[in-house]
């Protein structure tokens, strides 16, 4: 495989963020995906989100599995930590890394084949355990690397590029994430950067399992009439429940959103999510209502996007296990062997 590095030089007028990095510092190698692939738009949104969050690249760990989507971490944050796992096993590796070093910000990037098929069990257990991560599925409803077979998220009744009709029911990753207990659940569209960037920013700041299902049309095999994952279909059937802005330190980030009613949700770290409601009476803190709303709009043939559910008081796996605030990989021999007196105390407490 040929890798093409981007030139090191950058335009001198590029403005740095609060930690001294320009947007170019958050980029990676040149993409080898098909020109126009929605996955590249998601990579660009991740770059923009991390730049705007003033997140130092070396503080982020990016992990992926196998597939077109799992190639994309090579195309953003080239200076961050990275690990490309085997097919479907990214969540387990991410969980282990998170337990060992809780000081990093974890971003898992996967695809509908990687997470909804071979890795479905891995996905389910990482979500239900509340691993502190942002989990992005780049969902194109097709196996692009093996020439266009239906994936587990392909809608029943949709057609392949060759005209074959899919007779299997689809796995809805968003509904599954809600049922499994994810504390931040969203869906977006690779062609809607104005919605996707704030969602990624909010997910990266969220404590707990944050999941974003991003519809990302495959221009080679799934962007035609009859596909429910094409650019035209999503644009025509998109039902956005809200528009999101993120305020850090209660200082607003400028964004151009339509006027409307607002709901402010404060997360555990003080970050404030400001939601401009577009769908009538939609409450993003009601998990049961979110699940019902998804089923209702799906029956009407609509693709629901936006922040569907958030728990501002969420806990994560470290809270459940009671791990030390010091990352486990920084503990020394003295920390790990407290001595016979401590062991006697533990034994006494169990009698």
Protein backbone atom coordinates (compact mmCIF):
# COMPACT_ATOMS: atom_id res chain seq x y z
CA UNK A 1 0.00 0.00 0.00
CA UNK A 2 1.31 3.46 -0.91
CA UNK A 3 1.21 6.22 1.68
CA UNK A 4 1.37 9.84 0.63
CA UNK A 5 2.46 12.35 3.26
CA UNK A 6 1.17 15.89 3.13
CA UNK A 7 3.71 18.72 2.69
CA UNK A 8 5.09 20.02 5.97
CA UNK A 9 4.77 23.69 5.06
CA UNK A 10 1.60 25.68 5.79
CA UNK A 11 0.35 29.11 4.85
CA UNK A 12 1.74 31.70 7.30
CA UNK A 13 -1.69 33.29 7.77
CA UNK A 14 -3.18 30.17 9.37
CA UNK A 15 -4.44 31.13 12.82
CA UNK A 16 -3.48 28.93 15.79
CA UNK A 17 -5.95 27.85 18.47
CA UNK A 18 -5.57 28.47 22.20
CA UNK A 19 -2.89 25.76 22.58
CA UNK A 20 -0.81 26.99 19.64
CA UNK A 21 -1.80 24.52 16.91
CA UNK A 22 -3.16 25.36 13.46
CA UNK A 23 -5.76 23.27 11.70
CA UNK A 24 -2.98 21.67 9.63
CA UNK A 25 -1.49 20.20 12.83
CA UNK A 26 -4.61 18.05 13.19
CA UNK A 27 -4.41 16.53 9.72
CA UNK A 28 -2.87 13.19 8.71
CA UNK A 29 -1.74 11.56 5.50
CA UNK A 30 -3.34 12.11 2.10
CA UNK A 31 -6.50 9.99 1.78
CA UNK A 32 -6.45 7.01 -0.56
CA UNK A 33 -10.25 6.60 -0.48
CA UNK A 34 -12.39 7.22 -3.55
CA UNK A 35 -12.72 10.89 -4.44
CA UNK A 36 -15.94 12.19 -2.90
CA UNK A 37 -16.19 9.47 -0.25
CA UNK A 38 -18.29 10.57 2.71
CA UNK A 39 -15.65 9.13 5.05
CA UNK A 40 -13.26 11.93 4.06
CA UNK A 41 -15.88 14.48 5.11
CA UNK A 42 -16.06 12.81 8.53
CA UNK A 43 -12.27 12.99 8.83
CA UNK A 44 -12.43 16.70 8.03
CA UNK A 45 -15.13 17.16 10.69
CA UNK A 46 -12.95 15.38 13.28
CA UNK A 47 -10.02 17.64 12.39
CA UNK A 48 -12.19 20.74 12.75
CA UNK A 49 -13.73 19.56 16.03
CA UNK A 50 -10.37 18.82 17.68
CA UNK A 51 -8.94 22.12 16.47
CA UNK A 52 -11.88 24.08 17.88
CA UNK A 53 -11.74 22.18 21.18
CA UNK A 54 -8.07 23.18 21.64
CA UNK A 55 -7.30 19.49 22.09
CA UNK A 56 -3.57 18.80 21.92
CA UNK A 57 -3.06 16.03 19.34
CA UNK A 58 -0.88 13.90 21.64
CA UNK A 59 -3.72 13.74 24.19
CA UNK A 60 -5.94 11.77 21.83
CA UNK A 61 -5.85 8.03 21.12
CA UNK A 62 -7.57 6.88 17.93
CA UNK A 63 -8.42 3.24 17.34
CA UNK A 64 -10.07 1.38 14.47
CA UNK A 65 -10.77 -2.07 13.07
CA UNK A 66 -10.88 -3.18 9.42
CA UNK A 67 -12.66 -1.66 6.43
CA UNK A 68 -12.78 1.60 4.48
CA UNK A 69 -13.87 3.43 7.61
CA UNK A 70 -11.06 1.95 9.68
CA UNK A 71 -8.48 3.34 7.25
CA UNK A 72 -9.58 6.91 7.98
CA UNK A 73 -7.67 7.46 11.28
CA UNK A 74 -4.55 7.61 9.11
CA UNK A 75 -6.04 10.72 7.50
CA UNK A 76 -6.48 12.83 10.65
CA UNK A 77 -4.45 13.68 13.77
CA UNK A 78 -1.18 12.28 12.53
CA UNK A 79 0.54 13.33 15.78
CA UNK A 80 -1.85 11.43 18.06
CA UNK A 81 -1.63 7.91 19.45
CA UNK A 82 -3.11 5.29 17.13
CA UNK A 83 -3.83 1.57 16.90
CA UNK A 84 -5.44 -0.35 14.04
CA UNK A 85 -6.90 -3.59 15.42
CA UNK A 86 -8.20 -6.74 13.75
CA UNK A 87 -11.69 -6.90 12.27
CA UNK A 88 -14.41 -6.07 14.81
CA UNK A 89 -12.08 -6.02 17.83
CA UNK A 90 -11.50 -2.27 18.19
CA UNK A 91 -13.83 -1.84 21.23
CA UNK A 92 -11.94 -4.40 23.32
CA UNK A 93 -8.55 -2.87 22.56
CA UNK A 94 -9.94 0.59 23.28
CA UNK A 95 -11.38 -0.62 26.59
CA UNK A 96 -8.01 -2.05 27.64
CA UNK A 97 -6.16 1.10 26.66
CA UNK A 98 -8.69 3.25 28.50
CA UNK A 99 -8.34 1.19 31.68
CA UNK A 100 -4.54 1.42 31.50
CA UNK A 101 -4.37 5.15 30.79
CA UNK A 102 -7.48 7.18 31.62
CA UNK A 103 -5.66 10.47 30.97
CA UNK A 104 -6.07 10.18 27.18
CA UNK A 105 -9.12 11.12 25.11
CA UNK A 106 -10.35 8.03 23.27
CA UNK A 107 -11.84 8.05 19.78
CA UNK A 108 -12.96 4.79 18.17
CA UNK A 109 -13.71 4.84 14.45
CA UNK A 110 -15.50 1.91 12.88
CA UNK A 111 -17.87 0.96 10.08
CA UNK A 112 -21.19 -0.80 9.74
CA UNK A 113 -19.46 -4.05 8.77
CA UNK A 114 -16.85 -3.73 11.50
CA UNK A 115 -19.37 -2.91 14.27
CA UNK A 116 -22.73 -4.31 13.16
CA UNK A 117 -21.51 -7.69 11.92
CA UNK A 118 -18.31 -9.33 13.14
CA UNK A 119 -17.87 -6.79 15.94
CA UNK A 120 -21.46 -6.54 17.14
CA UNK A 121 -20.73 -8.21 20.48
CA UNK A 122 -17.65 -6.05 20.99
CA UNK A 123 -19.69 -2.93 20.30
CA UNK A 124 -22.46 -4.01 22.68
CA UNK A 125 -20.21 -4.72 25.65
CA UNK A 126 -18.14 -1.53 25.33
CA UNK A 127 -21.35 0.52 25.26
CA UNK A 128 -23.08 -1.24 28.17
CA UNK A 129 -19.94 -0.97 30.32
CA UNK A 130 -19.84 2.79 29.82
CA UNK A 131 -16.30 3.04 28.48
CA UNK A 132 -15.33 6.72 28.33
CA UNK A 133 -14.96 7.14 24.58
CA UNK A 134 -16.36 8.68 21.43
CA UNK A 135 -17.45 5.83 19.14
CA UNK A 136 -18.10 6.88 15.54
CA UNK A 137 -19.58 4.45 13.02
CA UNK A 138 -19.10 5.57 9.43
CA UNK A 139 -22.23 3.90 8.09
CA UNK A 140 -22.57 3.37 4.34
CA UNK A 141 -24.71 0.22 4.43
CA UNK A 142 -22.39 -1.68 2.14
CA UNK A 143 -19.17 -3.70 2.08
CA UNK A 144 -17.11 -1.37 -0.08
CA UNK A 145 -13.80 -3.22 0.12
CA UNK A 146 -15.38 -6.43 -1.21
CA UNK A 147 -17.34 -4.77 -4.03
CA UNK A 148 -20.75 -3.81 -2.71
CA UNK A 149 -22.52 -6.57 -0.81
CA UNK A 150 -25.27 -5.51 1.64
CA UNK A 151 -24.12 -4.92 5.20
CA UNK A 152 -26.09 -5.50 8.41
CA UNK A 153 -27.29 -1.88 8.40
CA UNK A 154 -28.71 -2.02 4.86
CA UNK A 155 -32.42 -1.24 5.02
CA UNK A 156 -34.86 -3.95 4.08
CA UNK A 157 -36.14 -3.29 0.56
CA UNK A 158 -33.18 -1.18 -0.52
CA UNK A 159 -31.43 -2.03 -3.77
CA UNK A 160 -27.80 -2.68 -4.56
CA UNK A 161 -26.00 -1.04 -7.47
CA UNK A 162 -26.80 -4.16 -9.54
CA UNK A 163 -30.50 -3.94 -8.65
CA UNK A 164 -30.58 -6.76 -6.10
CA UNK A 165 -33.16 -6.17 -3.33
CA UNK A 166 -32.16 -6.63 0.31
CA UNK A 167 -34.62 -8.96 2.11
CA UNK A 168 -32.98 -8.85 5.56
CA UNK A 169 -34.04 -6.51 8.37
CA UNK A 170 -31.50 -3.83 9.21
CA UNK A 171 -29.67 -3.39 12.50
CA UNK A 172 -30.25 0.15 13.73
CA UNK A 173 -27.06 1.08 15.60
CA UNK A 174 -28.67 4.12 17.22
CA UNK A 175 -31.59 2.15 18.68
CA UNK A 176 -29.15 -0.51 19.86
CA UNK A 177 -26.90 2.06 21.55
CA UNK A 178 -29.90 3.54 23.36
CA UNK A 179 -31.05 0.13 24.55
CA UNK A 180 -27.53 -0.81 25.72
CA UNK A 181 -27.24 2.28 27.90
CA UNK A 182 -25.06 4.72 25.95
CA UNK A 183 -25.19 8.11 27.69
CA UNK A 184 -24.69 10.17 24.51
CA UNK A 185 -26.38 9.01 21.32
CA UNK A 186 -26.48 10.91 18.04
CA UNK A 187 -26.88 10.40 14.33
CA UNK A 188 -25.55 12.66 11.63
CA UNK A 189 -24.76 12.78 7.92
CA UNK A 190 -21.31 13.17 6.41
CA UNK A 191 -22.71 15.83 4.08
CA UNK A 192 -23.88 18.03 6.99
CA UNK A 193 -20.71 19.47 8.49
CA UNK A 194 -22.64 22.18 10.35
CA UNK A 195 -24.37 19.46 12.36
CA UNK A 196 -21.57 16.90 12.55
CA UNK A 197 -18.73 19.09 13.90
CA UNK A 198 -20.63 20.25 17.03
CA UNK A 199 -21.82 16.69 17.67
CA UNK A 200 -18.22 15.40 17.62
CA UNK A 201 -17.12 18.24 19.89
CA UNK A 202 -19.86 17.46 22.39
CA UNK A 203 -19.11 13.71 22.27
CA UNK A 204 -15.39 14.24 22.89
CA UNK A 205 -16.26 16.33 25.96
CA UNK A 206 -18.81 13.85 27.27
CA UNK A 207 -17.94 11.48 30.11
CA UNK A 208 -19.08 7.95 29.34
CA UNK A 209 -20.00 6.03 26.20
CA UNK A 210 -20.73 8.55 23.43
CA UNK A 211 -21.95 7.05 20.15
CA UNK A 212 -22.41 8.81 16.79
CA UNK A 213 -23.87 6.89 13.85
CA UNK A 214 -22.82 8.85 10.75
CA UNK A 215 -24.44 8.01 7.44
CA UNK A 216 -21.63 8.18 4.90
CA UNK A 217 -22.63 7.27 1.31
CA UNK A 218 -20.31 4.98 -0.63
CA UNK A 219 -20.05 6.71 -3.99
CA UNK A 220 -18.74 3.55 -5.69
CA UNK A 221 -21.39 1.04 -4.58
CA UNK A 222 -24.22 2.71 -2.63
CA UNK A 223 -25.05 6.13 -4.05
CA UNK A 224 -27.76 5.33 -6.56
CA UNK A 225 -31.53 5.31 -6.91
CA UNK A 226 -32.96 2.63 -4.63
CA UNK A 227 -30.30 3.03 -1.95
CA UNK A 228 -31.37 4.44 1.42
CA UNK A 229 -27.77 5.42 2.21
CA UNK A 230 -27.24 7.70 -0.80
CA UNK A 231 -26.65 11.45 -0.67
CA UNK A 232 -30.01 12.22 -2.31
CA UNK A 233 -32.02 9.87 -0.08
CA UNK A 234 -30.60 11.22 3.16
CA UNK A 235 -31.05 14.84 2.10
CA UNK A 236 -34.65 14.20 1.09
CA UNK A 237 -35.61 12.18 4.20
CA UNK A 238 -33.56 13.89 6.91
CA UNK A 239 -35.48 14.83 10.08
CA UNK A 240 -33.15 16.85 12.33
CA UNK A 241 -34.43 16.91 15.93
CA UNK A 242 -32.09 19.71 17.01
CA UNK A 243 -29.07 21.79 16.11
CA UNK A 244 -26.17 21.75 18.50
CA UNK A 245 -23.71 24.34 19.74
CA UNK A 246 -20.97 23.72 22.32
CA UNK A 247 -19.84 26.24 24.89
CA UNK A 248 -16.64 25.61 26.85
CA UNK A 249 -16.11 27.61 30.00
CA UNK A 250 -19.42 29.28 29.23
CA UNK A 251 -17.80 31.19 26.40
CA UNK A 252 -19.87 30.58 23.23
CA UNK A 253 -18.38 29.28 20.03
CA UNK A 254 -19.83 31.25 17.15
CA UNK A 255 -22.14 29.23 14.96
CA UNK A 256 -24.79 30.06 12.39
CA UNK A 257 -27.95 28.19 13.40
CA UNK A 258 -31.58 28.82 12.66
CA UNK A 259 -33.53 30.70 15.28
CA UNK A 260 -35.85 28.74 17.54
CA UNK A 261 -36.41 27.49 21.04
CA UNK A 262 -33.33 26.46 23.00
CA UNK A 263 -32.53 23.89 25.66
CA UNK A 264 -29.30 24.11 27.70
CA UNK A 265 -27.82 20.86 29.01
CA UNK A 266 -24.78 21.11 31.29
CA UNK A 267 -22.43 18.12 31.24
CA UNK A 268 -20.30 16.86 34.12
CA UNK A 269 -17.23 18.88 33.08
CA UNK A 270 -19.08 22.19 32.86
CA UNK A 271 -19.49 22.09 29.10
CA UNK A 272 -22.88 23.47 28.12
CA UNK A 273 -24.78 21.98 25.18
CA UNK A 274 -27.21 24.42 23.61
CA UNK A 275 -29.91 22.69 21.56
CA UNK A 276 -32.05 24.54 19.08
CA UNK A 277 -35.18 22.41 18.86
CA UNK A 278 -36.50 21.72 15.38
CA UNK A 279 -38.76 18.76 16.16
CA UNK A 280 -41.76 19.67 18.31
CA UNK A 281 -41.63 18.52 21.94
CA UNK A 282 -38.41 16.53 21.55
CA UNK A 283 -36.61 15.98 24.86
CA UNK A 284 -32.96 14.79 24.44
CA UNK A 285 -32.76 13.66 28.08
CA UNK A 286 -35.62 11.14 27.80
CA UNK A 287 -34.19 7.78 26.71
CA UNK A 288 -37.57 6.04 26.36
CA UNK A 289 -39.04 8.90 24.32
CA UNK A 290 -35.96 8.89 22.08
CA UNK A 291 -36.39 5.18 21.34
CA UNK A 292 -40.07 5.65 20.54
CA UNK A 293 -39.41 8.70 18.39
CA UNK A 294 -36.86 6.79 16.32
CA UNK A 295 -39.33 3.97 15.64
CA UNK A 296 -42.07 6.42 14.81
CA UNK A 297 -40.03 8.40 12.29
CA UNK A 298 -38.45 5.27 10.83
CA UNK A 299 -41.92 3.96 10.06
CA UNK A 300 -42.57 7.24 8.24
CA UNK A 301 -39.45 6.71 6.11
CA UNK A 302 -37.41 9.45 7.74
CA UNK A 303 -33.75 9.47 8.83
CA UNK A 304 -33.58 11.11 12.26
CA UNK A 305 -30.40 13.11 12.90
CA UNK A 306 -29.09 15.27 15.71
CA UNK A 307 -28.43 14.68 19.40
CA UNK A 308 -31.01 12.04 20.24
CA UNK A 309 -30.11 11.39 23.88
CA UNK A 310 -27.68 12.71 26.48
CA UNK A 311 -27.26 12.03 30.19
CA UNK A 312 -25.42 15.02 31.69
CA UNK A 313 -24.72 13.10 34.92
CA UNK A 314 -23.23 10.02 33.27
CA UNK A 315 -20.59 7.87 34.89
CA UNK A 316 -18.01 5.71 33.15
CA UNK A 317 -16.26 2.36 33.58
CA UNK A 318 -13.66 3.80 35.96
CA UNK A 319 -16.43 5.00 38.28
CA UNK A 320 -18.01 1.55 38.26
CA UNK A 321 -14.70 -0.20 39.01
CA UNK A 322 -13.47 2.39 41.48
CA UNK A 323 -10.07 2.69 39.84
CA UNK A 324 -7.47 5.11 41.11
CA UNK A 325 -7.31 8.60 39.67
CA UNK A 326 -3.68 7.91 38.78
CA UNK A 327 -3.59 6.07 35.43
CA UNK A 328 -2.81 2.41 35.99
CA UNK A 329 0.18 2.55 33.65
CA UNK A 330 1.79 5.13 35.96
CA UNK A 331 1.59 3.04 39.14
CA UNK A 332 4.96 1.82 40.44
CA UNK A 333 5.94 -1.28 42.38
CA UNK A 334 5.28 0.36 45.76
CA UNK A 335 1.76 1.32 44.66
CA UNK A 336 1.00 -2.19 43.45
CA UNK A 337 2.44 -4.04 46.48
CA UNK A 338 1.13 -2.22 49.59
CA UNK A 339 2.47 -4.87 51.98
CA UNK A 340 1.22 -7.53 54.38
CA UNK A 341 -0.56 -5.06 56.69
CA UNK A 342 -2.83 -3.88 53.87
CA UNK A 343 -3.49 -7.48 52.81
CA UNK A 344 -4.39 -8.42 56.40
CA UNK A 345 -6.83 -5.50 56.50
CA UNK A 346 -8.53 -6.66 53.32
CA UNK A 347 -8.78 -10.22 54.57
CA UNK A 348 -10.22 -9.03 57.89
CA UNK A 349 -12.89 -7.01 56.09
CA UNK A 350 -14.06 -10.14 54.28
CA UNK A 351 -14.46 -12.34 57.37
